[in-house]
N, C-alpha and C. Protein backbone atom coordinates (compact mmCIF):
# COMPACT_ATOMS: atom_id res chain seq x y z
N MET A 1 46.45 13.35 31.74
CA MET A 1 47.40 14.13 32.50
C MET A 1 47.03 15.63 32.43
N ILE A 2 46.59 16.07 31.29
CA ILE A 2 46.21 17.47 31.13
C ILE A 2 44.99 17.78 31.99
N ILE A 3 44.09 16.81 32.12
CA ILE A 3 42.87 17.02 32.91
C ILE A 3 43.23 17.22 34.38
N ILE A 4 44.12 16.38 34.89
CA ILE A 4 44.52 16.48 36.30
C ILE A 4 45.23 17.80 36.55
N ALA A 5 46.11 18.18 35.64
CA ALA A 5 46.84 19.45 35.79
C ALA A 5 45.86 20.62 35.75
N GLY A 6 44.90 20.56 34.84
CA GLY A 6 43.90 21.63 34.75
C GLY A 6 43.07 21.75 36.01
N ALA A 7 42.65 20.61 36.56
CA ALA A 7 41.85 20.64 37.78
C ALA A 7 42.65 21.20 38.95
N THR A 8 43.91 20.80 39.05
CA THR A 8 44.76 21.28 40.14
C THR A 8 45.03 22.78 40.03
N ILE A 9 45.41 23.21 38.85
CA ILE A 9 45.70 24.64 38.64
C ILE A 9 44.43 25.46 38.85
N GLY A 10 43.30 24.98 38.35
CA GLY A 10 42.05 25.70 38.53
C GLY A 10 41.64 25.81 39.98
N ALA A 11 41.81 24.74 40.74
CA ALA A 11 41.45 24.77 42.15
C ALA A 11 42.35 25.74 42.92
N LEU A 12 43.62 25.71 42.63
CA LEU A 12 44.54 26.63 43.30
C LEU A 12 44.23 28.08 42.95
N TRP A 13 43.97 28.32 41.68
CA TRP A 13 43.66 29.69 41.24
C TRP A 13 42.35 30.18 41.85
N GLY A 14 41.33 29.33 41.85
CA GLY A 14 40.04 29.72 42.43
C GLY A 14 40.14 29.98 43.92
N GLY A 15 40.88 29.14 44.62
CA GLY A 15 41.07 29.36 46.06
C GLY A 15 41.82 30.64 46.33
N PHE A 16 42.82 30.92 45.52
CA PHE A 16 43.59 32.16 45.67
C PHE A 16 42.71 33.38 45.44
N LEU A 17 41.89 33.34 44.39
CA LEU A 17 41.01 34.47 44.09
C LEU A 17 40.02 34.71 45.22
N ALA A 18 39.42 33.64 45.73
CA ALA A 18 38.44 33.80 46.81
C ALA A 18 39.10 34.34 48.07
N LYS A 19 40.29 33.86 48.38
CA LYS A 19 40.99 34.35 49.57
C LYS A 19 41.39 35.81 49.41
N LYS A 20 41.82 36.17 48.20
CA LYS A 20 42.22 37.55 47.91
C LYS A 20 41.03 38.50 48.05
N ARG A 21 39.84 38.04 47.71
CA ARG A 21 38.64 38.86 47.80
C ARG A 21 37.99 38.83 49.18
N GLY A 22 38.64 38.17 50.13
CA GLY A 22 38.14 38.17 51.50
C GLY A 22 37.04 37.16 51.78
N GLY A 23 37.03 36.05 51.08
CA GLY A 23 35.99 35.06 51.29
C GLY A 23 36.23 34.20 52.52
N THR A 24 35.14 33.60 53.00
CA THR A 24 35.24 32.67 54.13
C THR A 24 35.77 31.34 53.62
N ARG A 25 35.92 30.39 54.54
CA ARG A 25 36.42 29.07 54.14
C ARG A 25 35.49 28.40 53.13
N MET A 26 34.21 28.55 53.34
CA MET A 26 33.25 27.95 52.41
C MET A 26 33.30 28.62 51.04
N ASP A 27 33.51 29.93 51.00
CA ASP A 27 33.65 30.64 49.74
C ASP A 27 34.89 30.13 48.99
N ILE A 28 35.98 29.98 49.73
CA ILE A 28 37.23 29.51 49.12
C ILE A 28 37.04 28.10 48.56
N ALA A 29 36.37 27.24 49.33
CA ALA A 29 36.13 25.87 48.88
C ALA A 29 35.24 25.84 47.63
N GLN A 30 34.22 26.69 47.62
CA GLN A 30 33.31 26.71 46.48
C GLN A 30 34.01 27.24 45.23
N TRP A 31 34.78 28.29 45.37
CA TRP A 31 35.50 28.83 44.23
C TRP A 31 36.53 27.83 43.72
N ALA A 32 37.23 27.16 44.65
CA ALA A 32 38.23 26.17 44.25
C ALA A 32 37.58 25.02 43.49
N ALA A 33 36.45 24.54 43.99
CA ALA A 33 35.75 23.44 43.32
C ALA A 33 35.24 23.87 41.95
N GLY A 34 34.63 25.04 41.88
CA GLY A 34 34.07 25.51 40.61
C GLY A 34 35.12 25.72 39.54
N THR A 35 36.18 26.41 39.88
CA THR A 35 37.22 26.65 38.87
C THR A 35 38.00 25.38 38.57
N GLY A 36 38.13 24.49 39.56
CA GLY A 36 38.78 23.21 39.30
C GLY A 36 38.01 22.39 38.29
N ILE A 37 36.69 22.35 38.42
CA ILE A 37 35.85 21.62 37.48
C ILE A 37 35.91 22.27 36.10
N ALA A 38 35.86 23.59 36.06
CA ALA A 38 35.90 24.29 34.77
C ALA A 38 37.22 24.04 34.04
N PHE A 39 38.33 24.11 34.76
CA PHE A 39 39.63 23.88 34.14
C PHE A 39 39.79 22.42 33.74
N ALA A 40 39.23 21.49 34.52
CA ALA A 40 39.28 20.08 34.14
C ALA A 40 38.50 19.84 32.85
N LEU A 41 37.37 20.51 32.70
CA LEU A 41 36.59 20.39 31.47
C LEU A 41 37.35 20.93 30.28
N ILE A 42 38.01 22.06 30.46
CA ILE A 42 38.85 22.62 29.39
C ILE A 42 39.98 21.64 29.05
N GLY A 43 40.59 21.05 30.09
CA GLY A 43 41.65 20.06 29.87
C GLY A 43 41.14 18.85 29.12
N LEU A 44 39.91 18.42 29.40
CA LEU A 44 39.31 17.29 28.69
C LEU A 44 39.13 17.61 27.22
N ILE A 45 38.65 18.79 26.92
CA ILE A 45 38.45 19.20 25.53
C ILE A 45 39.79 19.27 24.80
N VAL A 46 40.80 19.84 25.45
CA VAL A 46 42.13 19.92 24.85
C VAL A 46 42.69 18.53 24.60
N THR A 47 42.50 17.61 25.54
CA THR A 47 42.98 16.24 25.38
C THR A 47 42.31 15.55 24.19
N VAL A 48 41.00 15.71 24.06
CA VAL A 48 40.28 15.09 22.94
C VAL A 48 40.75 15.67 21.62
N VAL A 49 40.93 16.98 21.55
CA VAL A 49 41.39 17.61 20.31
C VAL A 49 42.79 17.12 19.95
N ILE A 50 43.68 17.05 20.91
CA ILE A 50 45.04 16.56 20.64
C ILE A 50 45.00 15.11 20.19
N HIS A 51 44.23 14.29 20.85
CA HIS A 51 44.14 12.87 20.49
C HIS A 51 43.59 12.69 19.08
N ARG A 52 42.53 13.44 18.76
CA ARG A 52 41.96 13.29 17.42
C ARG A 52 42.89 13.83 16.33
N THR A 53 43.70 14.82 16.67
CA THR A 53 44.65 15.36 15.70
C THR A 53 45.78 14.37 15.44
N ILE A 54 46.28 13.77 16.50
CA ILE A 54 47.40 12.85 16.35
C ILE A 54 46.96 11.51 15.74
N VAL A 55 45.88 10.93 16.26
CA VAL A 55 45.41 9.62 15.79
C VAL A 55 44.68 9.77 14.46
N GLY A 56 43.97 10.82 14.34
CA GLY A 56 43.34 11.25 13.15
C GLY A 56 42.38 10.49 12.41
């Protein structure tokens, strides 16, 4: 669940940043994809850390 939330928030944030900086549609899509992937990776790491802490 954290991974999906991270990907969604990252994509929205990246798209917003690209649009704010005056990017074209392709720029917005690339920024959204890149930040979505980065935030999903962070969410994956957080999920693994939480799981290993709880299950131990």
